Amino acid sequence: MVDVRENPDYESSSPFGAEEHYREFICTEEYEGKECGFMVRAKTDDEVIEHAHMHQEMAHGVKEISPDLEKKIKERIKVVPIKPGDSRVAKKKSILDTCI
């Protein structure tokens, strides 16, 4: 079996077309009395972390990411299969739309 964490370019086939494996982060911070639920998907951990940092600043007012928060973000990143063209994959300009 191929470990997709060791091979980020690994693709599997399915009856619905090729899937790629992306990284995903879901924010579980409390926001207005409930879980935030912000989600970002990107090709690399670094891209996910970049978007998570922007989200933390814009949505939760966190100006500096502490080592503890950075660790929590990294621990919550998981690998998910995505079909090519999936609109849920992060694009640089869309991060602002999700935080407003």
Protein backbone atom coordinates (compact mmCIF):
# COMPACT_ATOMS: atom_id res chain seq x y z
CA MET A 1 0.00 0.00 0.00
CA VAL A 2 1.24 3.51 -0.83
CA ASP A 3 1.42 6.00 2.03
CA VAL A 4 0.08 9.23 0.51
CA ARG A 5 1.73 11.34 3.21
CA GLU A 6 5.11 10.16 1.90
CA ASN A 7 4.12 10.65 -1.75
CA PRO A 8 2.01 13.81 -2.23
CA ASP A 9 1.79 13.21 -6.00
CA TYR A 10 0.16 9.79 -5.59
CA GLU A 11 -3.05 9.47 -7.59
CA SER A 12 -5.54 6.66 -7.41
CA SER A 13 -8.18 5.84 -9.93
CA SER A 14 -11.85 5.47 -9.21
CA PRO A 15 -14.93 4.78 -11.33
CA PHE A 16 -15.54 8.54 -11.36
CA GLY A 17 -12.10 9.59 -12.64
CA ALA A 18 -8.68 10.14 -11.16
CA GLU A 19 -8.43 11.49 -7.64
CA GLU A 20 -5.60 13.52 -6.19
CA HIS A 21 -4.75 13.67 -2.53
CA TYR A 22 -4.88 17.08 -0.93
CA ARG A 23 -4.28 18.34 2.58
CA GLU A 24 -7.27 19.61 4.57
CA PHE A 25 -7.61 21.72 7.72
CA ILE A 26 -10.87 22.44 9.56
CA CYS A 27 -10.90 25.18 12.19
CA THR A 28 -12.44 23.99 15.45
CA GLU A 29 -12.09 27.29 17.34
CA GLU A 30 -15.18 28.57 19.13
CA TYR A 31 -16.75 31.46 17.25
CA GLU A 32 -19.96 33.16 18.39
CA GLY A 33 -20.86 30.22 20.61
CA LYS A 34 -20.27 27.44 18.11
CA GLU A 35 -17.45 25.70 16.28
CA CYS A 36 -16.06 27.87 13.46
CA GLY A 37 -15.95 25.13 10.80
CA PHE A 38 -13.70 27.02 8.32
CA MET A 39 -12.13 24.51 5.94
CA VAL A 40 -9.25 24.80 3.52
CA ARG A 41 -7.81 22.23 1.12
CA ALA A 42 -4.55 22.62 -0.76
CA LYS A 43 -1.78 20.55 -2.37
CA THR A 44 0.81 21.01 0.39
CA ASP A 45 0.90 21.38 4.16
CA ASP A 46 2.63 24.76 3.72
CA GLU A 47 -0.25 26.10 1.59
CA VAL A 48 -2.82 24.88 4.12
CA ILE A 49 -0.87 26.48 6.97
CA GLU A 50 -0.64 29.78 5.05
CA HIS A 51 -4.42 29.87 4.55
CA ALA A 52 -5.04 28.78 8.16
CA HIS A 53 -2.85 31.67 9.39
CA MET A 54 -4.79 34.18 7.27
CA HIS A 55 -8.06 32.74 8.56
CA GLN A 56 -6.93 32.95 12.20
CA GLU A 57 -6.05 36.61 11.76
CA MET A 58 -9.13 37.64 9.78
CA ALA A 59 -11.82 35.58 11.51
CA HIS A 60 -10.47 35.25 15.06
CA GLY A 61 -8.24 38.35 15.42
CA VAL A 62 -5.07 36.32 16.07
CA LYS A 63 -2.22 38.62 14.99
CA GLU A 64 0.67 36.27 15.82
CA ILE A 65 0.56 32.51 15.59
CA SER A 66 2.05 30.99 18.74
CA PRO A 67 4.12 27.79 18.55
CA ASP A 68 1.26 26.01 20.34
CA LEU A 69 -1.32 27.17 17.77
CA GLU A 70 1.04 26.29 14.91
CA LYS A 71 1.37 22.79 16.37
CA LYS A 72 -2.43 22.43 16.67
CA ILE A 73 -2.89 23.48 13.04
CA LYS A 74 -0.28 20.97 11.84
CA GLU A 75 -1.83 18.17 13.93
CA ARG A 76 -5.27 18.82 12.38
CA ILE A 77 -4.10 18.59 8.77
CA LYS A 78 -5.29 15.39 7.14
CA VAL A 79 -5.01 13.91 3.66
CA VAL A 80 -8.25 13.72 1.65
CA PRO A 81 -9.01 12.52 -1.91
CA ILE A 82 -10.16 15.25 -4.30
CA LYS A 83 -11.37 14.94 -7.86
CA PRO A 84 -9.75 17.30 -10.39
CA GLY A 85 -11.67 20.57 -10.65
CA ASP A 86 -13.20 20.30 -7.17
CA SER A 87 -14.23 23.84 -6.18
CA ARG A 88 -13.40 23.19 -2.52
CA VAL A 89 -9.65 23.41 -3.19
CA ALA A 90 -8.05 26.65 -1.99
CA LYS A 91 -7.20 29.38 -4.43
CA LYS A 92 -5.24 32.43 -3.30
CA LYS A 93 -8.09 34.89 -3.89
CA SER A 94 -10.87 32.71 -2.40
CA ILE A 95 -9.44 32.72 1.12
CA LEU A 96 -10.63 36.31 1.59
CA ASP A 97 -14.14 35.41 0.51
CA THR A 98 -14.38 32.66 3.15
CA CYS A 99 -13.29 34.91 6.03
CA ILE A 100 -15.74 37.78 5.53
